[in-house]
Amino acid sequence: MPRVRSVFLSDIHLGTRACQAECLLDFLREYPSEQTFLIGDIIDFWAMSRSIHWSAAQNTVVQKFLRRARHGERVVFIPGNHDEALRDYCGVVFGDIEVVDELVHETADGRRFLLIHGDVFDQVTRHHRWVAVLGDMAYNLLVSLNHGLSRVRRRLGIPGYWSLAGYAKRKVKTALNFMFDFEESAIHHARERGLDGVICGHIHWATISDIGGLTYINCGDWVDSCTAIVEHFDGRLELVAWGMRSKIPALSAPTVEHAEV
């Protein structure tokens, strides 16, 4: 029997060296589900236009999603800005995987959430694409540097996982303002639709939070933090920080954020 009712994933960035496909495969093996929602930037066509890195593990990730769909699990793919070319195929079913622009998901306890990647709430991505591309390249550089830093920390015996990209987001005021504006815009959109909240991705910042009485949920990413949202059979939504589990060998079980709703 599936361990959870639904799994929500975003920002996997297949086709890049930074994609942590092995970590994702471990998570998928641990969390069989009735439904899997892929909420954008699953494949990184932006990065692949510069160079392609497609590992065996990344290929297995794709096969895993196809296998889940083939075995009767509902798999829905909502394209993001990095795989926006696939938006031309919204309404089409590929290998039993539904491709849609957005979706309203009803949880087991009756709440209704808008599933959308979120780039529509990002004014930079919408109106200044070249700035977004430069920002993406800078973020990828931080992630690459962070992988090197993590190796050094392990060799020095320094415990815990530390994210350079996450540190930059927390410390740079403009980054914080951008995230707050993004969240407010997403919640405003959900409120106008008469929904209970939104589940999105795009900004690589996983969270479950209450904003003005509605629930804002971000899946995070599988490049730096390795996070996902799962829905239990009672409708409870939980943020799973799988990356912490995989990067701290002393932990015997997945580290789960306490945020849930």
C-alpha atoms as a PDB file:
ATOM      1  CA  MET A   1       0.000   0.000   0.000  1.00  0.00           C
ATOM      2  CA  PRO A   2       1.296   3.535  -0.769  1.00  0.00           C
ATOM      3  CA  ARG A   3       2.942   5.233   2.189  1.00  0.00           C
ATOM      4  CA  VAL A   4       1.376   8.640   1.386  1.00  0.00           C
ATOM      5  CA  ARG A   5      -1.554   9.886  -0.670  1.00  0.00           C
ATOM      6  CA  SER A   6       0.373  12.464  -2.703  1.00  0.00           C
ATOM      7  CA  VAL A   7       3.927  13.632  -3.407  1.00  0.00           C
ATOM      8  CA  PHE A   8       4.707  17.148  -4.652  1.00  0.00           C
ATOM      9  CA  LEU A   9       8.093  17.834  -6.276  1.00  0.00           C
ATOM     10  CA  SER A  10       9.535  20.811  -8.101  1.00  0.00           C
ATOM     11  CA  ASP A  11      12.827  22.140  -9.454  1.00  0.00           C
ATOM     12  CA  ILE A  12      14.598  18.840 -10.052  1.00  0.00           C
ATOM     13  CA  HIS A  13      16.615  20.364 -12.946  1.00  0.00           C
ATOM     14  CA  LEU A  14      17.351  17.170 -14.844  1.00  0.00           C
ATOM     15  CA  GLY A  15      20.065  17.692 -17.435  1.00  0.00           C
ATOM     16  CA  THR A  16      22.378  19.587 -15.090  1.00  0.00           C
ATOM     17  CA  ARG A  17      25.378  18.499 -13.038  1.00  0.00           C
ATOM     18  CA  ALA A  18      23.813  20.033  -9.923  1.00  0.00           C
ATOM     19  CA  CYS A  19      20.733  17.780 -10.064  1.00  0.00           C
ATOM     20  CA  GLN A  20      20.813  15.402  -7.088  1.00  0.00           C
ATOM     21  CA  ALA A  21      19.130  12.500  -8.856  1.00  0.00           C
ATOM     22  CA  GLU A  22      20.520   9.779  -6.567  1.00  0.00           C
ATOM     23  CA  CYS A  23      19.071  11.579  -3.562  1.00  0.00           C
ATOM     24  CA  LEU A  24      15.694  11.887  -5.313  1.00  0.00           C
ATOM     25  CA  LEU A  25      15.664   8.183  -6.175  1.00  0.00           C
ATOM     26  CA  ASP A  26      16.210   7.331  -2.491  1.00  0.00           C
ATOM     27  CA  PHE A  27      13.271   9.569  -1.572  1.00  0.00           C
ATOM     28  CA  LEU A  28      10.975   8.066  -4.229  1.00  0.00           C
ATOM     29  CA  ARG A  29      11.752   4.549  -3.013  1.00  0.00           C
ATOM     30  CA  GLU A  30      10.837   5.593   0.532  1.00  0.00           C
ATOM     31  CA  TYR A  31       7.628   7.417  -0.455  1.00  0.00           C
ATOM     32  CA  PRO A  32       5.374   5.386  -2.767  1.00  0.00           C
ATOM     33  CA  SER A  33       2.154   7.316  -3.346  1.00  0.00           C
ATOM     34  CA  GLU A  34      -1.188   7.345  -5.115  1.00  0.00           C
ATOM     35  CA  GLN A  35      -0.405  10.634  -6.863  1.00  0.00           C
ATOM     36  CA  THR A  36       2.783  12.430  -7.910  1.00  0.00           C
ATOM     37  CA  PHE A  37       2.692  16.086  -8.918  1.00  0.00           C
ATOM     38  CA  LEU A  38       5.750  17.464 -10.737  1.00  0.00           C
ATOM     39  CA  ILE A  39       5.481  21.220 -10.303  1.00  0.00           C
ATOM     40  CA  GLY A  40       7.867  22.676 -12.838  1.00  0.00           C
ATOM     41  CA  ASP A  41      11.545  22.932 -13.750  1.00  0.00           C
ATOM     42  CA  ILE A  42      11.764  19.162 -13.833  1.00  0.00           C
ATOM     43  CA  ILE A  43      13.991  19.346 -16.929  1.00  0.00           C
ATOM     44  CA  ASP A  44      16.353  22.312 -17.265  1.00  0.00           C
ATOM     45  CA  PHE A  45      16.297  23.282 -20.929  1.00  0.00           C
ATOM     46  CA  TRP A  46      17.933  26.633 -20.071  1.00  0.00           C
ATOM     47  CA  ALA A  47      21.075  24.946 -18.740  1.00  0.00           C
ATOM     48  CA  MET A  48      21.009  22.256 -21.422  1.00  0.00           C
ATOM     49  CA  SER A  49      21.221  24.940 -24.096  1.00  0.00           C
ATOM     50  CA  ARG A  50      24.693  25.719 -22.672  1.00  0.00           C
ATOM     51  CA  SER A  51      25.844  22.192 -21.786  1.00  0.00           C
ATOM     52  CA  ILE A  52      24.149  18.881 -21.032  1.00  0.00           C
ATOM     53  CA  HIS A  53      24.898  16.574 -18.135  1.00  0.00           C
ATOM     54  CA  TRP A  54      22.576  13.558 -18.156  1.00  0.00           C
ATOM     55  CA  SER A  55      23.623  10.824 -15.763  1.00  0.00           C
ATOM     56  CA  ALA A  56      22.345   7.269 -15.455  1.00  0.00           C
ATOM     57  CA  ALA A  57      20.613   8.271 -12.215  1.00  0.00           C
ATOM     58  CA  GLN A  58      18.780  11.100 -13.986  1.00  0.00           C
ATOM     59  CA  ASN A  59      17.617   8.658 -16.636  1.00  0.00           C
ATOM     60  CA  THR A  60      16.376   6.357 -13.855  1.00  0.00           C
ATOM     61  CA  VAL A  61      14.381   9.248 -12.356  1.00  0.00           C
ATOM     62  CA  VAL A  62      12.493   9.650 -15.643  1.00  0.00           C
ATOM     63  CA  GLN A  63      11.925   5.901 -15.846  1.00  0.00           C
ATOM     64  CA  LYS A  64      10.679   5.927 -12.246  1.00  0.00           C
ATOM     65  CA  PHE A  65       7.983   8.511 -13.038  1.00  0.00           C
ATOM     66  CA  LEU A  66       6.951   6.645 -16.196  1.00  0.00           C
ATOM     67  CA  ARG A  67       6.780   3.376 -14.249  1.00  0.00           C
ATOM     68  CA  ARG A  68       4.624   4.948 -11.546  1.00  0.00           C
ATOM     69  CA  ALA A  69       2.191   6.231 -14.174  1.00  0.00           C
ATOM     70  CA  ARG A  70       2.175   2.906 -16.008  1.00  0.00           C
ATOM     71  CA  HIS A  71       1.318   1.076 -12.782  1.00  0.00           C
ATOM     72  CA  GLY A  72      -1.767   3.191 -12.175  1.00  0.00           C
ATOM     73  CA  GLU A  73      -0.420   6.040 -10.065  1.00  0.00           C
ATOM     74  CA  ARG A  74      -1.598   9.452 -11.200  1.00  0.00           C
ATOM     75  CA  VAL A  75       1.395  11.491 -12.387  1.00  0.00           C
ATOM     76  CA  VAL A  76       0.848  15.137 -13.377  1.00  0.00           C
ATOM     77  CA  PHE A  77       3.520  17.361 -14.905  1.00  0.00           C
ATOM     78  CA  ILE A  78       3.128  21.161 -14.650  1.00  0.00           C
ATOM     79  CA  PRO A  79       5.891  22.834 -16.713  1.00  0.00           C
ATOM     80  CA  GLY A  80       7.932  25.700 -15.256  1.00  0.00           C
ATOM     81  CA  ASN A  81      10.048  28.400 -16.863  1.00  0.00           C
ATOM     82  CA  HIS A  82      13.091  26.135 -17.347  1.00  0.00           C
ATOM     83  CA  ASP A  83      10.965  23.571 -19.202  1.00  0.00           C
ATOM     84  CA  GLU A  84       8.469  26.087 -20.625  1.00  0.00           C
ATOM     85  CA  ALA A  85       8.770  24.522 -24.118  1.00  0.00           C
ATOM     86  CA  LEU A  86       6.534  21.753 -22.790  1.00  0.00           C
ATOM     87  CA  ARG A  87       3.733  24.241 -22.108  1.00  0.00           C
ATOM     88  CA  ASP A  88       2.835  23.878 -25.782  1.00  0.00           C
ATOM     89  CA  TYR A  89       1.729  20.336 -24.893  1.00  0.00           C
ATOM     90  CA  CYS A  90      -0.585  21.168 -21.974  1.00  0.00           C
ATOM     91  CA  GLY A  91      -3.656  18.973 -22.241  1.00  0.00           C
ATOM     92  CA  VAL A  92      -1.657  16.118 -23.772  1.00  0.00           C
ATOM     93  CA  VAL A  93      -0.861  12.801 -22.054  1.00  0.00           C
ATOM     94  CA  PHE A  94       2.650  11.363 -22.576  1.00  0.00           C
ATOM     95  CA  GLY A  95       3.238   7.798 -21.383  1.00  0.00           C
ATOM     96  CA  ASP A  96       0.253   8.109 -18.997  1.00  0.00           C
ATOM     97  CA  ILE A  97       1.690  11.364 -17.563  1.00  0.00           C
ATOM     98  CA  GLU A  98      -0.718  14.316 -17.753  1.00  0.00           C
ATOM     99  CA  VAL A  99       0.747  17.669 -18.831  1.00  0.00           C
ATOM    100  CA  VAL A 100      -1.220  20.692 -17.564  1.00  0.00           C
ATOM    101  CA  ASP A 101      -0.500  24.377 -17.052  1.00  0.00           C
ATOM    102  CA  GLU A 102      -1.926  24.381 -13.521  1.00  0.00           C
ATOM    103  CA  LEU A 103      -4.248  22.281 -11.398  1.00  0.00           C
ATOM    104  CA  VAL A 104      -6.546  22.595  -8.397  1.00  0.00           C
ATOM    105  CA  HIS A 105      -5.819  19.739  -6.008  1.00  0.00           C
ATOM    106  CA  GLU A 106      -8.266  18.726  -3.291  1.00  0.00           C
ATOM    107  CA  THR A 107      -6.680  17.154  -0.220  1.00  0.00           C
ATOM    108  CA  ALA A 108      -8.213  14.222   1.631  1.00  0.00           C
ATOM    109  CA  ASP A 109      -9.681  16.629   4.213  1.00  0.00           C
ATOM    110  CA  GLY A 110     -11.367  18.770   1.551  1.00  0.00           C
ATOM    111  CA  ARG A 111      -8.998  21.729   1.205  1.00  0.00           C
ATOM    112  CA  ARG A 112      -8.344  23.059  -2.289  1.00  0.00           C
ATOM    113  CA  PHE A 113      -4.862  24.128  -3.409  1.00  0.00           C
ATOM    114  CA  LEU A 114      -3.660  25.695  -6.632  1.00  0.00           C
ATOM    115  CA  LEU A 115      -0.723  23.742  -8.052  1.00  0.00           C
ATOM    116  CA  ILE A 116       1.404  26.025 -10.214  1.00  0.00           C
ATOM    117  CA  HIS A 117       5.148  26.395 -10.791  1.00  0.00           C
ATOM    118  CA  GLY A 118       5.160  30.042  -9.772  1.00  0.00           C
ATOM    119  CA  ASP A 119       7.200  31.893 -12.409  1.00  0.00           C
ATOM    120  CA  VAL A 120       4.017  33.848 -13.179  1.00  0.00           C
ATOM    121  CA  PHE A 121       4.498  35.511  -9.763  1.00  0.00           C
ATOM    122  CA  ASP A 122       8.125  36.434 -10.569  1.00  0.00           C
ATOM    123  CA  GLN A 123       8.275  39.809 -12.314  1.00  0.00           C
ATOM    124  CA  VAL A 124      11.956  39.356 -13.208  1.00  0.00           C
ATOM    125  CA  THR A 125      11.362  36.083 -15.036  1.00  0.00           C
ATOM    126  CA  ARG A 126       8.248  37.435 -16.764  1.00  0.00           C
ATOM    127  CA  HIS A 127       9.650  40.749 -17.983  1.00  0.00           C
ATOM    128  CA  HIS A 128      13.470  40.560 -17.840  1.00  0.00           C
ATOM    129  CA  ARG A 129      14.420  37.102 -19.033  1.00  0.00           C
ATOM    130  CA  TRP A 130      18.119  37.924 -19.519  1.00  0.00           C
ATOM    131  CA  VAL A 131      18.370  39.003 -15.858  1.00  0.00           C
ATOM    132  CA  ALA A 132      16.694  35.733 -14.837  1.00  0.00           C
ATOM    133  CA  VAL A 133      19.189  33.730 -16.923  1.00  0.00           C
ATOM    134  CA  LEU A 134      22.142  35.552 -15.314  1.00  0.00           C
ATOM    135  CA  GLY A 135      20.656  34.952 -11.878  1.00  0.00           C
ATOM    136  CA  ASP A 136      20.240  31.283 -12.710  1.00  0.00           C
ATOM    137  CA  MET A 137      23.898  31.020 -13.725  1.00  0.00           C
ATOM    138  CA  ALA A 138      24.971  32.751 -10.485  1.00  0.00           C
ATOM    139  CA  TYR A 139      22.825  30.377  -8.426  1.00  0.00           C
ATOM    140  CA  ASN A 140      24.320  27.351 -10.202  1.00  0.00           C
ATOM    141  CA  LEU A 141      27.789  28.683  -9.379  1.00  0.00           C
ATOM    142  CA  LEU A 142      26.871  28.952  -5.683  1.00  0.00           C
ATOM    143  CA  VAL A 143      25.553  25.373  -5.724  1.00  0.00           C
ATOM    144  CA  SER A 144      28.764  24.114  -7.357  1.00  0.00           C
ATOM    145  CA  LEU A 145      30.882  25.929  -4.787  1.00  0.00           C
ATOM    146  CA  ASN A 146      28.686  24.509  -2.039  1.00  0.00           C
ATOM    147  CA  HIS A 147      29.363  20.930  -3.169  1.00  0.00           C
ATOM    148  CA  GLY A 148      33.095  21.590  -2.798  1.00  0.00           C
ATOM    149  CA  LEU A 149      32.588  23.212   0.591  1.00  0.00           C
ATOM    150  CA  SER A 150      30.541  20.233   1.777  1.00  0.00           C
ATOM    151  CA  ARG A 151      33.375  17.845   0.886  1.00  0.00           C
ATOM    152  CA  VAL A 152      35.865  19.977   2.803  1.00  0.00           C
ATOM    153  CA  ARG A 153      33.546  20.139   5.851  1.00  0.00           C
ATOM    154  CA  ARG A 154      33.159  16.340   5.855  1.00  0.00           C
ATOM    155  CA  ARG A 155      36.935  15.811   5.688  1.00  0.00           C
ATOM    156  CA  LEU A 156      37.403  18.222   8.587  1.00  0.00           C
ATOM    157  CA  GLY A 157      34.758  16.365  10.574  1.00  0.00           C
ATOM    158  CA  ILE A 158      32.447  19.375  10.805  1.00  0.00           C
ATOM    159  CA  PRO A 159      28.924  18.032  11.465  1.00  0.00           C
ATOM    160  CA  GLY A 160      25.740  19.264   9.818  1.00  0.00           C
ATOM    161  CA  TYR A 161      24.828  20.439   6.346  1.00  0.00           C
ATOM    162  CA  TRP A 162      25.397  24.064   5.440  1.00  0.00           C
ATOM    163  CA  SER A 163      24.021  25.631   2.263  1.00  0.00           C
ATOM    164  CA  LEU A 164      25.926  28.506   0.687  1.00  0.00           C
ATOM    165  CA  ALA A 165      22.990  29.296  -1.601  1.00  0.00           C
ATOM    166  CA  GLY A 166      20.616  29.243   1.366  1.00  0.00           C
ATOM    167  CA  TYR A 167      22.935  31.493   3.382  1.00  0.00           C
ATOM    168  CA  ALA A 168      23.014  34.011   0.523  1.00  0.00           C
ATOM    169  CA  LYS A 169      19.217  34.026   0.333  1.00  0.00           C
ATOM    170  CA  ARG A 170      18.864  34.601   4.068  1.00  0.00           C
ATOM    171  CA  LYS A 171      21.463  37.384   4.223  1.00  0.00           C
ATOM    172  CA  VAL A 172      20.845  39.362   1.039  1.00  0.00           C
ATOM    173  CA  LYS A 173      18.012  41.807   1.724  1.00  0.00           C
ATOM    174  CA  THR A 174      16.904  41.996  -1.908  1.00  0.00           C
ATOM    175  CA  ALA A 175      16.614  38.205  -2.032  1.00  0.00           C
ATOM    176  CA  LEU A 176      14.439  38.207   1.089  1.00  0.00           C
ATOM    177  CA  ASN A 177      12.247  40.982  -0.287  1.00  0.00           C
ATOM    178  CA  PHE A 178      11.883  39.061  -3.553  1.00  0.00           C
ATOM    179  CA  MET A 179      10.757  35.918  -1.704  1.00  0.00           C
ATOM    180  CA  PHE A 180       8.247  37.815   0.438  1.00  0.00           C
ATOM    181  CA  ASP A 181       6.801  39.546  -2.644  1.00  0.00           C
ATOM    182  CA  PHE A 182       6.618  36.195  -4.437  1.00  0.00           C
ATOM    183  CA  GLU A 183       4.750  34.571  -1.545  1.00  0.00           C
ATOM    184  CA  GLU A 184       2.296  37.460  -1.204  1.00  0.00           C
ATOM    185  CA  SER A 185       1.589  37.416  -4.935  1.00  0.00           C
ATOM    186  CA  ALA A 186       0.981  33.655  -4.893  1.00  0.00           C
ATOM    187  CA  ILE A 187      -1.419  33.907  -1.945  1.00  0.00           C
ATOM    188  CA  HIS A 188      -3.245  36.858  -3.526  1.00  0.00           C
ATOM    189  CA  HIS A 189      -3.784  34.754  -6.645  1.00  0.00           C
ATOM    190  CA  ALA A 190      -5.138  31.824  -4.595  1.00  0.00           C
ATOM    191  CA  ARG A 191      -7.452  34.107  -2.615  1.00  0.00           C
ATOM    192  CA  GLU A 192      -8.906  35.579  -5.819  1.00  0.00           C
ATOM    193  CA  ARG A 193      -9.690  32.025  -6.951  1.00  0.00           C
ATOM    194  CA  GLY A 194     -11.457  31.202  -3.678  1.00  0.00           C
ATOM    195  CA  LEU A 195      -8.898  28.526  -2.799  1.00  0.00           C
ATOM    196  CA  ASP A 196      -7.366  27.505   0.515  1.00  0.00           C
ATOM    197  CA  GLY A 197      -3.790  27.969  -0.609  1.00  0.00           C
ATOM    198  CA  VAL A 198      -1.102  27.383  -3.199  1.00  0.00           C
ATOM    199  CA  ILE A 199       1.580  24.729  -3.713  1.00  0.00           C
ATOM    200  CA  CYS A 200       4.397  25.935  -5.966  1.00  0.00           C
ATOM    201  CA  GLY A 201       8.142  25.889  -6.599  1.00  0.00           C
ATOM    202  CA  HIS A 202      10.398  28.217  -8.619  1.00  0.00           C
ATOM    203  CA  ILE A 203      12.295  30.048  -5.857  1.00  0.00           C
ATOM    204  CA  HIS A 204      14.045  26.961  -4.343  1.00  0.00           C
ATOM    205  CA  TRP A 205      12.885  27.844  -0.836  1.00  0.00           C
ATOM    206  CA  ALA A 206      10.851  25.085   0.818  1.00  0.00           C
ATOM    207  CA  THR A 207       8.265  26.126   3.387  1.00  0.00           C
ATOM    208  CA  ILE A 208       4.767  25.629   4.720  1.00  0.00           C
ATOM    209  CA  SER A 209       3.400  28.838   6.168  1.00  0.00           C
ATOM    210  CA  ASP A 210       0.177  30.668   6.925  1.00  0.00           C
ATOM    211  CA  ILE A 211      -0.173  33.989   5.132  1.00  0.00           C
ATOM    212  CA  GLY A 212      -3.326  35.952   5.832  1.00  0.00           C
ATOM    213  CA  GLY A 213      -5.323  32.852   6.681  1.00  0.00           C
ATOM    214  CA  LEU A 214      -4.310  30.918   3.561  1.00  0.00           C
ATOM    215  CA  THR A 215      -1.604  28.271   3.278  1.00  0.00           C
ATOM    216  CA  TYR A 216       1.495  28.978   1.209  1.00  0.00           C
ATOM    217  CA  ILE A 217       3.552  25.886   0.378  1.00  0.00           C
ATOM    218  CA  ASN A 218       6.770  25.730  -1.618  1.00  0.00           C
ATOM    219  CA  CYS A 219       8.295  22.368  -2.570  1.00  0.00           C
ATOM    220  CA  GLY A 220      11.891  23.625  -2.592  1.00  0.00           C
ATOM    221  CA  ASP A 221      14.305  21.890  -4.974  1.00  0.00           C
ATOM    222  CA  TRP A 222      16.498  18.865  -5.771  1.00  0.00           C
ATOM    223  CA  VAL A 223      19.626  20.877  -6.531  1.00  0.00           C
ATOM    224  CA  ASP A 224      20.604  22.254  -3.152  1.00  0.00           C
ATOM    225  CA  SER A 225      18.218  21.404  -0.306  1.00  0.00           C
ATOM    226  CA  CYS A 226      16.452  18.253  -1.641  1.00  0.00           C
ATOM    227  CA  THR A 227      12.975  18.836  -0.225  1.00  0.00           C
ATOM    228  CA  ALA A 228       9.469  17.660  -1.046  1.00  0.00           C
ATOM    229  CA  ILE A 229       5.908  17.993   0.164  1.00  0.00           C
ATOM    230  CA  VAL A 230       3.879  14.897   0.991  1.00  0.00           C
ATOM    231  CA  GLU A 231       0.162  14.571   1.682  1.00  0.00           C
ATOM    232  CA  HIS A 232      -0.856  11.920   4.193  1.00  0.00           C
ATOM    233  CA  PHE A 233      -4.108   9.981   3.928  1.00  0.00           C
ATOM    234  CA  ASP A 234      -5.792  12.281   6.467  1.00  0.00           C
ATOM    235  CA  GLY A 235      -5.008  15.317   4.267  1.00  0.00           C
ATOM    236  CA  ARG A 236      -2.136  16.544   6.420  1.00  0.00           C
ATOM    237  CA  LEU A 237       0.629  18.173   4.346  1.00  0.00           C
ATOM    238  CA  GLU A 238       4.230  17.781   5.474  1.00  0.00           C
ATOM    239  CA  LEU A 239       7.573  19.182   4.342  1.00  0.00           C
ATOM    240  CA  VAL A 240      10.225  16.470   4.065  1.00  0.00           C
ATOM    241  CA  ALA A 241      13.822  17.747   4.134  1.00  0.00           C
ATOM    242  CA  TRP A 242      15.383  14.668   2.564  1.00  0.00           C
ATOM    243  CA  GLY A 243      18.644  16.465   1.749  1.00  0.00           C
ATOM    244  CA  MET A 244      19.562  16.735   5.414  1.00  0.00           C
ATOM    245  CA  ARG A 245      19.205  12.972   5.776  1.00  0.00           C
ATOM    246  CA  SER A 246      21.436  12.171   2.810  1.00  0.00           C
ATOM    247  CA  LYS A 247      24.175  14.635   3.697  1.00  0.00           C
ATOM    248  CA  ILE A 248      24.579  13.754   7.382  1.00  0.00           C
ATOM    249  CA  PRO A 249      25.700  10.101   7.592  1.00  0.00           C
ATOM    250  CA  ALA A 250      25.047   9.971  11.359  1.00  0.00           C
ATOM    251  CA  LEU A 251      21.292  10.248  10.811  1.00  0.00           C
ATOM    252  CA  SER A 252      19.516   6.913  10.498  1.00  0.00           C
ATOM    253  CA  ALA A 253      16.181   8.284   9.292  1.00  0.00           C
ATOM    254  CA  PRO A 254      15.010  11.125   7.039  1.00  0.00           C
ATOM    255  CA  THR A 255      15.048  14.522   8.674  1.00  0.00           C
ATOM    256  CA  VAL A 256      11.602  16.054   8.400  1.00  0.00           C
ATOM    257  CA  GLU A 257      10.831  19.718   8.853  1.00  0.00           C
ATOM    258  CA  HIS A 258       8.327  20.296  11.632  1.00  0.00           C
ATOM    259  CA  ALA A 259       6.209  22.455   9.335  1.00  0.00           C
ATOM    260  CA  GLU A 260       3.003  20.683   8.456  1.00  0.00           C
ATOM    261  CA  VAL A 261      -0.606  21.666   8.020  1.00  0.00           C
END
